[in-house]
C-alpha cells in the first residue's frame, strides 16, 4: 500500500506513515475508511447503501484473489471515491 516508503526515507521524508510503519499505516487506513463508510451508510437510504456495499465487496473480492499491493491501493482509492460520493449524496439530500 505504501510502495514509496523506501524512496521517501532516502530523500529524508519522515511523515506519520514512516514513523509508525507499513502495517499500522495500512490498518489505520482501512479502519478510517471503513468507519467513514459506516457513518455515511447509516445516513443513506437502503438501495444506495446496498449498492455501495456491493461495489466495495466486489472490489475486495478482486483484491483478495490477486493479493497485489497495487490492487489493494486501487481498492482504497475506490472506497475513498465511494465515500466522497456518499458524502455528497448525504449533503445534498439525494
PDB file of N, CA and C in Angstrom:
ATOM      1  N   UNK A   1       0.818  -1.189   0.000  1.00  0.00           N
ATOM      2  CA  UNK A   1       0.000   0.000   0.000  1.00  0.00           C
ATOM      3  C   UNK A   1       0.861   1.251   0.000  1.00  0.00           C
ATOM      4  N   UNK A   2       1.968   1.193   0.649  1.00  0.00           N
ATOM      5  CA  UNK A   2       2.853   2.348   0.713  1.00  0.00           C
ATOM      6  C   UNK A   2       4.148   2.006  -0.022  1.00  0.00           C
ATOM      7  N   UNK A   3       4.104   1.927  -1.330  1.00  0.00           N
ATOM      8  CA  UNK A   3       5.255   1.444  -2.085  1.00  0.00           C
ATOM      9  C   UNK A   3       6.448   2.395  -2.072  1.00  0.00           C
ATOM     10  N   UNK A   4       6.239   3.638  -1.748  1.00  0.00           N
ATOM     11  CA  UNK A   4       7.332   4.598  -1.835  1.00  0.00           C
ATOM     12  C   UNK A   4       7.965   4.936  -0.486  1.00  0.00           C
ATOM     13  N   UNK A   5       7.753   4.123   0.527  1.00  0.00           N
ATOM     14  CA  UNK A   5       8.347   4.400   1.837  1.00  0.00           C
ATOM     15  C   UNK A   5       9.873   4.421   1.757  1.00  0.00           C
ATOM     16  N   UNK A   6      10.458   3.492   1.017  1.00  0.00           N
ATOM     17  CA  UNK A   6      11.915   3.447   0.895  1.00  0.00           C
ATOM     18  C   UNK A   6      12.432   4.684   0.157  1.00  0.00           C
ATOM     19  N   UNK A   7      11.742   5.082  -0.908  1.00  0.00           N
ATOM     20  CA  UNK A   7      12.146   6.283  -1.652  1.00  0.00           C
ATOM     21  C   UNK A   7      12.045   7.525  -0.767  1.00  0.00           C
ATOM     22  N   UNK A   8      10.968   7.596  -0.008  1.00  0.00           N
ATOM     23  CA  UNK A   8      10.793   8.739   0.893  1.00  0.00           C
ATOM     24  C   UNK A   8      11.900   8.779   1.946  1.00  0.00           C
ATOM     25  N   UNK A   9      12.242   7.619   2.490  1.00  0.00           N
ATOM     26  CA  UNK A   9      13.290   7.564   3.511  1.00  0.00           C
ATOM     27  C   UNK A   9      14.628   8.019   2.928  1.00  0.00           C
ATOM     28  N   UNK A  10      14.870   7.671   1.669  1.00  0.00           N
ATOM     29  CA  UNK A  10      16.130   8.066   1.023  1.00  0.00           C
ATOM     30  C   UNK A  10      16.207   9.577   0.814  1.00  0.00           C
ATOM     31  N   UNK A  11      15.051  10.211   0.635  1.00  0.00           N
ATOM     32  CA  UNK A  11      15.042  11.661   0.405  1.00  0.00           C
ATOM     33  C   UNK A  11      14.806  12.448   1.688  1.00  0.00           C
ATOM     34  N   UNK A  12      14.669  11.757   2.813  1.00  0.00           N
ATOM     35  CA  UNK A  12      14.540  12.446   4.094  1.00  0.00           C
ATOM     36  C   UNK A  12      13.109  12.762   4.513  1.00  0.00           C
ATOM     37  N   UNK A  13      12.113  12.249   3.814  1.00  0.00           N
ATOM     38  CA  UNK A  13      10.720  12.483   4.190  1.00  0.00           C
ATOM     39  C   UNK A  13      10.396  11.583   5.376  1.00  0.00           C
ATOM     40  N   UNK A  14       9.865  12.164   6.444  1.00  0.00           N
ATOM     41  CA  UNK A  14       9.522  11.395   7.634  1.00  0.00           C
ATOM     42  C   UNK A  14       8.145  11.790   8.139  1.00  0.00           C
ATOM     43  N   UNK A  15       7.113  11.332   7.470  1.00  0.00           N
ATOM     44  CA  UNK A  15       5.742  11.608   7.885  1.00  0.00           C
ATOM     45  C   UNK A  15       5.236  10.534   8.831  1.00  0.00           C
ATOM     46  N   UNK A  16       3.971  10.607   9.182  1.00  0.00           N
ATOM     47  CA  UNK A  16       3.369   9.650  10.104  1.00  0.00           C
ATOM     48  C   UNK A  16       3.495   8.206   9.613  1.00  0.00           C
ATOM     49  N   UNK A  17       3.210   7.905   8.334  1.00  0.00           N
ATOM     50  CA  UNK A  17       3.360   6.509   7.887  1.00  0.00           C
ATOM     51  C   UNK A  17       4.785   5.970   8.077  1.00  0.00           C
ATOM     52  N   UNK A  18       5.775   6.823   7.946  1.00  0.00           N
ATOM     53  CA  UNK A  18       7.160   6.392   8.112  1.00  0.00           C
ATOM     54  C   UNK A  18       7.472   6.130   9.580  1.00  0.00           C
ATOM     55  N   UNK A  19       6.875   6.918  10.439  1.00  0.00           N
ATOM     56  CA  UNK A  19       7.162   6.786  11.872  1.00  0.00           C
ATOM     57  C   UNK A  19       6.480   5.573  12.484  1.00  0.00           C
ATOM     58  N   UNK A  20       5.265   5.253  12.047  1.00  0.00           N
ATOM     59  CA  UNK A  20       4.553   4.127  12.658  1.00  0.00           C
ATOM     60  C   UNK A  20       4.733   2.825  11.883  1.00  0.00           C
ATOM     61  N   UNK A  21       5.192   2.891  10.631  1.00  0.00           N
ATOM     62  CA  UNK A  21       5.468   1.674   9.871  1.00  0.00           C
ATOM     63  C   UNK A  21       4.381   1.323   8.871  1.00  0.00           C
ATOM     64  N   UNK A  22       4.709   0.354   8.018  1.00  0.00           N
ATOM     65  CA  UNK A  22       3.821  -0.047   6.925  1.00  0.00           C
ATOM     66  C   UNK A  22       2.524  -0.689   7.427  1.00  0.00           C
ATOM     67  N   UNK A  23       2.626  -1.683   8.298  1.00  0.00           N
ATOM     68  CA  UNK A  23       1.417  -2.395   8.739  1.00  0.00           C
ATOM     69  C   UNK A  23       0.467  -1.495   9.526  1.00  0.00           C
ATOM     70  N   UNK A  24       0.927  -0.740  10.535  1.00  0.00           N
ATOM     71  CA  UNK A  24      -0.003   0.143  11.239  1.00  0.00           C
ATOM     72  C   UNK A  24      -0.623   1.201  10.316  1.00  0.00           C
ATOM     73  N   UNK A  25       0.136   1.672   9.343  1.00  0.00           N
ATOM     74  CA  UNK A  25      -0.417   2.645   8.397  1.00  0.00           C
ATOM     75  C   UNK A  25      -1.525   2.015   7.562  1.00  0.00           C
ATOM     76  N   UNK A  26      -1.300   0.784   7.124  1.00  0.00           N
ATOM     77  CA  UNK A  26      -2.296   0.079   6.320  1.00  0.00           C
ATOM     78  C   UNK A  26      -3.551  -0.188   7.144  1.00  0.00           C
ATOM     79  N   UNK A  27      -3.372  -0.693   8.351  1.00  0.00           N
ATOM     80  CA  UNK A  27      -4.519  -0.976   9.222  1.00  0.00           C
ATOM     81  C   UNK A  27      -5.273   0.313   9.543  1.00  0.00           C
ATOM     82  N   UNK A  28      -4.548   1.373   9.850  1.00  0.00           N
ATOM     83  CA  UNK A  28      -5.188   2.656  10.144  1.00  0.00           C
ATOM     84  C   UNK A  28      -5.998   3.179   8.973  1.00  0.00           C
ATOM     85  N   UNK A  29      -5.461   3.037   7.771  1.00  0.00           N
ATOM     86  CA  UNK A  29      -6.183   3.475   6.573  1.00  0.00           C
ATOM     87  C   UNK A  29      -7.484   2.707   6.414  1.00  0.00           C
ATOM     88  N   UNK A  30      -7.411   1.394   6.558  1.00  0.00           N
ATOM     89  CA  UNK A  30      -8.612   0.560   6.405  1.00  0.00           C
ATOM     90  C   UNK A  30      -9.646   0.895   7.473  1.00  0.00           C
ATOM     91  N   UNK A  31      -9.202   1.055   8.709  1.00  0.00           N
ATOM     92  CA  UNK A  31     -10.134   1.365   9.806  1.00  0.00           C
ATOM     93  C   UNK A  31     -10.807   2.720   9.581  1.00  0.00           C
ATOM     94  N   UNK A  32     -10.040   3.730   9.200  1.00  0.00           N
ATOM     95  CA  UNK A  32     -10.622   5.057   8.976  1.00  0.00           C
ATOM     96  C   UNK A  32     -11.594   5.065   7.802  1.00  0.00           C
ATOM     97  N   UNK A  33     -11.232   4.391   6.707  1.00  0.00           N
ATOM     98  CA  UNK A  33     -12.147   4.339   5.558  1.00  0.00           C
ATOM     99  C   UNK A  33     -13.414   3.562   5.889  1.00  0.00           C
ATOM    100  N   UNK A  34     -13.271   2.457   6.612  1.00  0.00           N
ATOM    101  CA  UNK A  34     -14.447   1.662   6.978  1.00  0.00           C
ATOM    102  C   UNK A  34     -15.356   2.440   7.936  1.00  0.00           C
ATOM    103  N   UNK A  35     -14.768   3.176   8.872  1.00  0.00           N
ATOM    104  CA  UNK A  35     -15.560   3.988   9.791  1.00  0.00           C
ATOM    105  C   UNK A  35     -16.322   5.072   9.046  1.00  0.00           C
ATOM    106  N   UNK A  36     -15.636   5.757   8.131  1.00  0.00           N
ATOM    107  CA  UNK A  36     -16.305   6.791   7.338  1.00  0.00           C
ATOM    108  C   UNK A  36     -17.432   6.196   6.512  1.00  0.00           C
ATOM    109  N   UNK A  37     -17.163   5.046   5.894  1.00  0.00           N
ATOM    110  CA  UNK A  37     -18.198   4.399   5.087  1.00  0.00           C
ATOM    111  C   UNK A  37     -19.390   3.997   5.954  1.00  0.00           C
ATOM    112  N   UNK A  38     -19.123   3.452   7.129  1.00  0.00           N
ATOM    113  CA  UNK A  38     -20.211   3.052   8.022  1.00  0.00           C
ATOM    114  C   UNK A  38     -21.064   4.225   8.466  1.00  0.00           C
ATOM    115  N   UNK A  39     -20.420   5.325   8.813  1.00  0.00           N
ATOM    116  CA  UNK A  39     -21.180   6.513   9.230  1.00  0.00           C
ATOM    117  C   UNK A  39     -22.023   7.066   8.075  1.00  0.00           C
ATOM    118  N   UNK A  40     -21.462   7.057   6.883  1.00  0.00           N
ATOM    119  CA  UNK A  40     -22.209   7.567   5.733  1.00  0.00           C
ATOM    120  C   UNK A  40     -23.324   6.617   5.328  1.00  0.00           C
ATOM    121  N   UNK A  41     -23.064   5.314   5.394  1.00  0.00           N
ATOM    122  CA  UNK A  41     -24.107   4.339   5.042  1.00  0.00           C
ATOM    123  C   UNK A  41     -25.316   4.458   5.967  1.00  0.00           C
ATOM    124  N   UNK A  42     -25.072   4.826   7.217  1.00  0.00           N
ATOM    125  CA  UNK A  42     -26.170   4.986   8.167  1.00  0.00           C
ATOM    126  C   UNK A  42     -27.103   6.124   7.756  1.00  0.00           C
ATOM    127  N   UNK A  43     -26.601   7.050   6.947  1.00  0.00           N
ATOM    128  CA  UNK A  43     -27.400   8.200   6.529  1.00  0.00           C
ATOM    129  C   UNK A  43     -28.084   8.012   5.170  1.00  0.00           C
ATOM    130  N   UNK A  44     -27.709   6.974   4.435  1.00  0.00           N
ATOM    131  CA  UNK A  44     -28.269   6.769   3.098  1.00  0.00           C
ATOM    132  C   UNK A  44     -29.484   5.868   3.153  1.00  0.00           C
ATOM    133  N   UNK A  45     -30.319   5.978   2.121  1.00  0.00           N
ATOM    134  CA  UNK A  45     -31.440   5.053   2.065  1.00  0.00           C
ATOM    135  C   UNK A  45     -30.929   3.666   1.661  1.00  0.00           C
ATOM    136  N   UNK A  46     -31.780   2.671   1.792  1.00  0.00           N
ATOM    137  CA  UNK A  46     -31.384   1.271   1.666  1.00  0.00           C
ATOM    138  C   UNK A  46     -30.751   0.931   0.323  1.00  0.00           C
ATOM    139  N   UNK A  47     -31.329   1.382  -0.800  1.00  0.00           N
ATOM    140  CA  UNK A  47     -30.796   0.965  -2.108  1.00  0.00           C
ATOM    141  C   UNK A  47     -29.421   1.535  -2.377  1.00  0.00           C
ATOM    142  N   UNK A  48     -29.153   2.771  -1.948  1.00  0.00           N
ATOM    143  CA  UNK A  48     -27.812   3.328  -2.131  1.00  0.00           C
ATOM    144  C   UNK A  48     -26.815   2.633  -1.234  1.00  0.00           C
ATOM    145  N   UNK A  49     -27.248   2.303  -0.035  1.00  0.00           N
ATOM    146  CA  UNK A  49     -26.363   1.596   0.886  1.00  0.00           C
ATOM    147  C   UNK A  49     -25.997   0.221   0.327  1.00  0.00           C
ATOM    148  N   UNK A  50     -26.971  -0.490  -0.211  1.00  0.00           N
ATOM    149  CA  UNK A  50     -26.705  -1.815  -0.773  1.00  0.00           C
ATOM    150  C   UNK A  50     -25.808  -1.728  -2.008  1.00  0.00           C
ATOM    151  N   UNK A  51     -26.005  -0.736  -2.837  1.00  0.00           N
ATOM    152  CA  UNK A  51     -25.144  -0.548  -3.998  1.00  0.00           C
ATOM    153  C   UNK A  51     -23.703  -0.295  -3.563  1.00  0.00           C
ATOM    154  N   UNK A  52     -23.541   0.552  -2.580  1.00  0.00           N
ATOM    155  CA  UNK A  52     -22.200   0.872  -2.085  1.00  0.00           C
ATOM    156  C   UNK A  52     -21.523  -0.361  -1.499  1.00  0.00           C
ATOM    157  N   UNK A  53     -22.237  -1.095  -0.685  1.00  0.00           N
ATOM    158  CA  UNK A  53     -21.680  -2.306  -0.089  1.00  0.00           C
ATOM    159  C   UNK A  53     -21.332  -3.326  -1.169  1.00  0.00           C
ATOM    160  N   UNK A  54     -22.179  -3.476  -2.156  1.00  0.00           N
ATOM    161  CA  UNK A  54     -21.935  -4.434  -3.234  1.00  0.00           C
ATOM    162  C   UNK A  54     -20.680  -4.084  -4.026  1.00  0.00           C
ATOM    163  N   UNK A  55     -20.536  -2.823  -4.390  1.00  0.00           N
ATOM    164  CA  UNK A  55     -19.358  -2.396  -5.158  1.00  0.00           C
ATOM    165  C   UNK A  55     -18.090  -2.596  -4.329  1.00  0.00           C
ATOM    166  N   UNK A  56     -18.147  -2.259  -3.061  1.00  0.00           N
ATOM    167  CA  UNK A  56     -16.979  -2.406  -2.198  1.00  0.00           C
ATOM    168  C   UNK A  56     -16.613  -3.874  -2.015  1.00  0.00           C
ATOM    169  N   UNK A  57     -17.600  -4.736  -1.800  1.00  0.00           N
ATOM    170  CA  UNK A  57     -17.317  -6.161  -1.655  1.00  0.00           C
ATOM    171  C   UNK A  57     -16.772  -6.767  -2.939  1.00  0.00           C
ATOM    172  N   UNK A  58     -17.275  -6.318  -4.065  1.00  0.00           N
ATOM    173  CA  UNK A  58     -16.763  -6.785  -5.349  1.00  0.00           C
ATOM    174  C   UNK A  58     -15.294  -6.404  -5.505  1.00  0.00           C
ATOM    175  N   UNK A  59     -14.966  -5.184  -5.172  1.00  0.00           N
ATOM    176  CA  UNK A  59     -13.567  -4.752  -5.224  1.00  0.00           C
ATOM    177  C   UNK A  59     -12.697  -5.519  -4.243  1.00  0.00           C
ATOM    178  N   UNK A  60     -13.215  -5.777  -3.047  1.00  0.00           N
ATOM    179  CA  UNK A  60     -12.457  -6.535  -2.052  1.00  0.00           C
ATOM    180  C   UNK A  60     -12.219  -7.964  -2.522  1.00  0.00           C
ATOM    181  N   UNK A  61     -13.197  -8.555  -3.174  1.00  0.00           N
ATOM    182  CA  UNK A  61     -13.028  -9.903  -3.710  1.00  0.00           C
ATOM    183  C   UNK A  61     -11.942  -9.932  -4.783  1.00  0.00           C
ATOM    184  N   UNK A  62     -11.923  -8.912  -5.629  1.00  0.00           N
ATOM    185  CA  UNK A  62     -10.887  -8.838  -6.666  1.00  0.00           C
ATOM    186  C   UNK A  62      -9.505  -8.719  -6.042  1.00  0.00           C
ATOM    187  N   UNK A  63      -9.403  -7.942  -4.982  1.00  0.00           N
ATOM    188  CA  UNK A  63      -8.114  -7.783  -4.305  1.00  0.00           C
ATOM    189  C   UNK A  63      -7.714  -9.083  -3.620  1.00  0.00           C
ATOM    190  N   UNK A  64      -8.659  -9.743  -2.983  1.00  0.00           N
ATOM    191  CA  UNK A  64      -8.357 -10.999  -2.291  1.00  0.00           C
ATOM    192  C   UNK A  64      -7.844 -12.051  -3.265  1.00  0.00           C
ATOM    193  N   UNK A  65      -8.388 -12.076  -4.453  1.00  0.00           N
ATOM    194  CA  UNK A  65      -7.958 -13.044  -5.458  1.00  0.00           C
ATOM    195  C   UNK A  65      -6.550 -12.727  -5.941  1.00  0.00           C
ATOM    196  N   UNK A  66      -6.263 -11.443  -6.153  1.00  0.00           N
ATOM    197  CA  UNK A  66      -4.972 -11.068  -6.728  1.00  0.00           C
ATOM    198  C   UNK A  66      -3.854 -10.960  -5.693  1.00  0.00           C
ATOM    199  N   UNK A  67      -4.186 -10.557  -4.471  1.00  0.00           N
ATOM    200  CA  UNK A  67      -3.209 -10.330  -3.405  1.00  0.00           C
ATOM    201  C   UNK A  67      -2.077  -9.409  -3.859  1.00  0.00           C
ATOM    202  N   UNK A  68      -2.427  -8.433  -4.615  1.00  0.00           N
ATOM    203  CA  UNK A  68      -1.443  -7.486  -5.142  1.00  0.00           C
ATOM    204  C   UNK A  68      -1.544  -6.176  -4.374  1.00  0.00           C
ATOM    205  N   UNK A  69      -0.403  -5.610  -4.027  1.00  0.00           N
ATOM    206  CA  UNK A  69      -0.413  -4.332  -3.308  1.00  0.00           C
ATOM    207  C   UNK A  69      -0.973  -3.214  -4.167  1.00  0.00           C
ATOM    208  N   UNK A  70      -0.670  -3.249  -5.461  1.00  0.00           N
ATOM    209  CA  UNK A  70      -1.186  -2.180  -6.315  1.00  0.00           C
ATOM    210  C   UNK A  70      -2.707  -2.283  -6.426  1.00  0.00           C
ATOM    211  N   UNK A  71      -3.234  -3.492  -6.432  1.00  0.00           N
ATOM    212  CA  UNK A  71      -4.694  -3.642  -6.463  1.00  0.00           C
ATOM    213  C   UNK A  71      -5.310  -3.228  -5.137  1.00  0.00           C
ATOM    214  N   UNK A  72      -4.608  -3.473  -4.040  1.00  0.00           N
ATOM    215  CA  UNK A  72      -5.097  -3.012  -2.745  1.00  0.00           C
ATOM    216  C   UNK A  72      -5.168  -1.490  -2.725  1.00  0.00           C
ATOM    217  N   UNK A  73      -4.150  -0.852  -3.265  1.00  0.00           N
ATOM    218  CA  UNK A  73      -4.148   0.609  -3.339  1.00  0.00           C
ATOM    219  C   UNK A  73      -5.315   1.094  -4.191  1.00  0.00           C
ATOM    220  N   UNK A  74      -5.597   0.414  -5.294  1.00  0.00           N
ATOM    221  CA  UNK A  74      -6.743   0.784  -6.126  1.00  0.00           C
ATOM    222  C   UNK A  74      -8.052   0.603  -5.362  1.00  0.00           C
ATOM    223  N   UNK A  75      -8.149  -0.449  -4.561  1.00  0.00           N
ATOM    224  CA  UNK A  75      -9.357  -0.656  -3.758  1.00  0.00           C
ATOM    225  C   UNK A  75      -9.524   0.473  -2.745  1.00  0.00           C
ATOM    226  N   UNK A  76      -8.435   0.888  -2.118  1.00  0.00           N
ATOM    227  CA  UNK A  76      -8.500   2.002  -1.161  1.00  0.00           C
ATOM    228  C   UNK A  76      -8.993   3.260  -1.869  1.00  0.00           C
ATOM    229  N   UNK A  77      -8.478   3.512  -3.073  1.00  0.00           N
ATOM    230  CA  UNK A  77      -8.934   4.670  -3.835  1.00  0.00           C
ATOM    231  C   UNK A  77     -10.408   4.533  -4.189  1.00  0.00           C
ATOM    232  N   UNK A  78     -10.849   3.334  -4.559  1.00  0.00           N
ATOM    233  CA  UNK A  78     -12.255   3.103  -4.892  1.00  0.00           C
ATOM    234  C   UNK A  78     -13.149   3.374  -3.686  1.00  0.00           C
ATOM    235  N   UNK A  79     -12.768   2.865  -2.534  1.00  0.00           N
ATOM    236  CA  UNK A  79     -13.570   3.078  -1.326  1.00  0.00           C
ATOM    237  C   UNK A  79     -13.591   4.561  -0.957  1.00  0.00           C
ATOM    238  N   UNK A  80     -12.462   5.237  -1.092  1.00  0.00           N
ATOM    239  CA  UNK A  80     -12.427   6.675  -0.805  1.00  0.00           C
ATOM    240  C   UNK A  80     -13.343   7.434  -1.763  1.00  0.00           C
ATOM    241  N   UNK A  81     -13.326   7.062  -3.039  1.00  0.00           N
ATOM    242  CA  UNK A  81     -14.211   7.704  -4.017  1.00  0.00           C
ATOM    243  C   UNK A  81     -15.675   7.439  -3.687  1.00  0.00           C
ATOM    244  N   UNK A  82     -15.989   6.216  -3.321  1.00  0.00           N
ATOM    245  CA  UNK A  82     -17.366   5.884  -2.929  1.00  0.00           C
ATOM    246  C   UNK A  82     -17.772   6.691  -1.696  1.00  0.00           C
ATOM    247  N   UNK A  83     -16.847   6.842  -0.737  1.00  0.00           N
ATOM    248  CA  UNK A  83     -17.150   7.649   0.448  1.00  0.00           C
ATOM    249  C   UNK A  83     -17.443   9.091   0.076  1.00  0.00           C
ATOM    250  N   UNK A  84     -16.686   9.641  -0.858  1.00  0.00           N
ATOM    251  CA  UNK A  84     -16.936  11.020  -1.302  1.00  0.00           C
ATOM    252  C   UNK A  84     -18.308  11.113  -1.969  1.00  0.00           C
ATOM    253  N   UNK A  85     -18.642  10.133  -2.814  1.00  0.00           N
ATOM    254  CA  UNK A  85     -19.957  10.150  -3.473  1.00  0.00           C
ATOM    255  C   UNK A  85     -21.076  10.044  -2.441  1.00  0.00           C
ATOM    256  N   UNK A  86     -20.890   9.190  -1.419  1.00  0.00           N
ATOM    257  CA  UNK A  86     -21.908   9.081  -0.373  1.00  0.00           C
ATOM    258  C   UNK A  86     -22.016  10.382   0.411  1.00  0.00           C
ATOM    259  N   UNK A  87     -20.882  11.010   0.699  1.00  0.00           N
ATOM    260  CA  UNK A  87     -20.894  12.272   1.426  1.00  0.00           C
ATOM    261  C   UNK A  87     -21.658  13.334   0.654  1.00  0.00           C
ATOM    262  N   UNK A  88     -21.414  13.414  -0.647  1.00  0.00           N
ATOM    263  CA  UNK A  88     -22.155  14.376  -1.482  1.00  0.00           C
ATOM    264  C   UNK A  88     -23.637  14.051  -1.512  1.00  0.00           C
ATOM    265  N   UNK A  89     -23.955  12.761  -1.579  1.00  0.00           N
ATOM    266  CA  UNK A  89     -25.357  12.349  -1.593  1.00  0.00           C
ATOM    267  C   UNK A  89     -26.044  12.722  -0.279  1.00  0.00           C
ATOM    268  N   UNK A  90     -25.366  12.508   0.828  1.00  0.00           N
ATOM    269  CA  UNK A  90     -25.935  12.866   2.125  1.00  0.00           C
ATOM    270  C   UNK A  90     -26.059  14.383   2.255  1.00  0.00           C
ATOM    271  N   UNK A  91     -25.020  15.092   1.814  1.00  0.00           N
ATOM    272  CA  UNK A  91     -25.007  16.552   1.955  1.00  0.00           C
ATOM    273  C   UNK A  91     -26.082  17.228   1.125  1.00  0.00           C
ATOM    274  N   UNK A  92     -26.345  16.699  -0.061  1.00  0.00           N
ATOM    275  CA  UNK A  92     -27.315  17.347  -0.952  1.00  0.00           C
ATOM    276  C   UNK A  92     -28.646  16.618  -0.995  1.00  0.00           C
ATOM    277  N   UNK A  93     -28.845  15.671  -0.090  1.00  0.00           N
ATOM    278  CA  UNK A  93     -30.141  15.023   0.064  1.00  0.00           C
ATOM    279  C   UNK A  93     -30.609  14.163  -1.079  1.00  0.00           C
ATOM    280  N   UNK A  94     -29.693  13.536  -1.798  1.00  0.00           N
ATOM    281  CA  UNK A  94     -30.097  12.678  -2.928  1.00  0.00           C
ATOM    282  C   UNK A  94     -30.584  11.343  -2.431  1.00  0.00           C
TER     283      UNK A  94
END
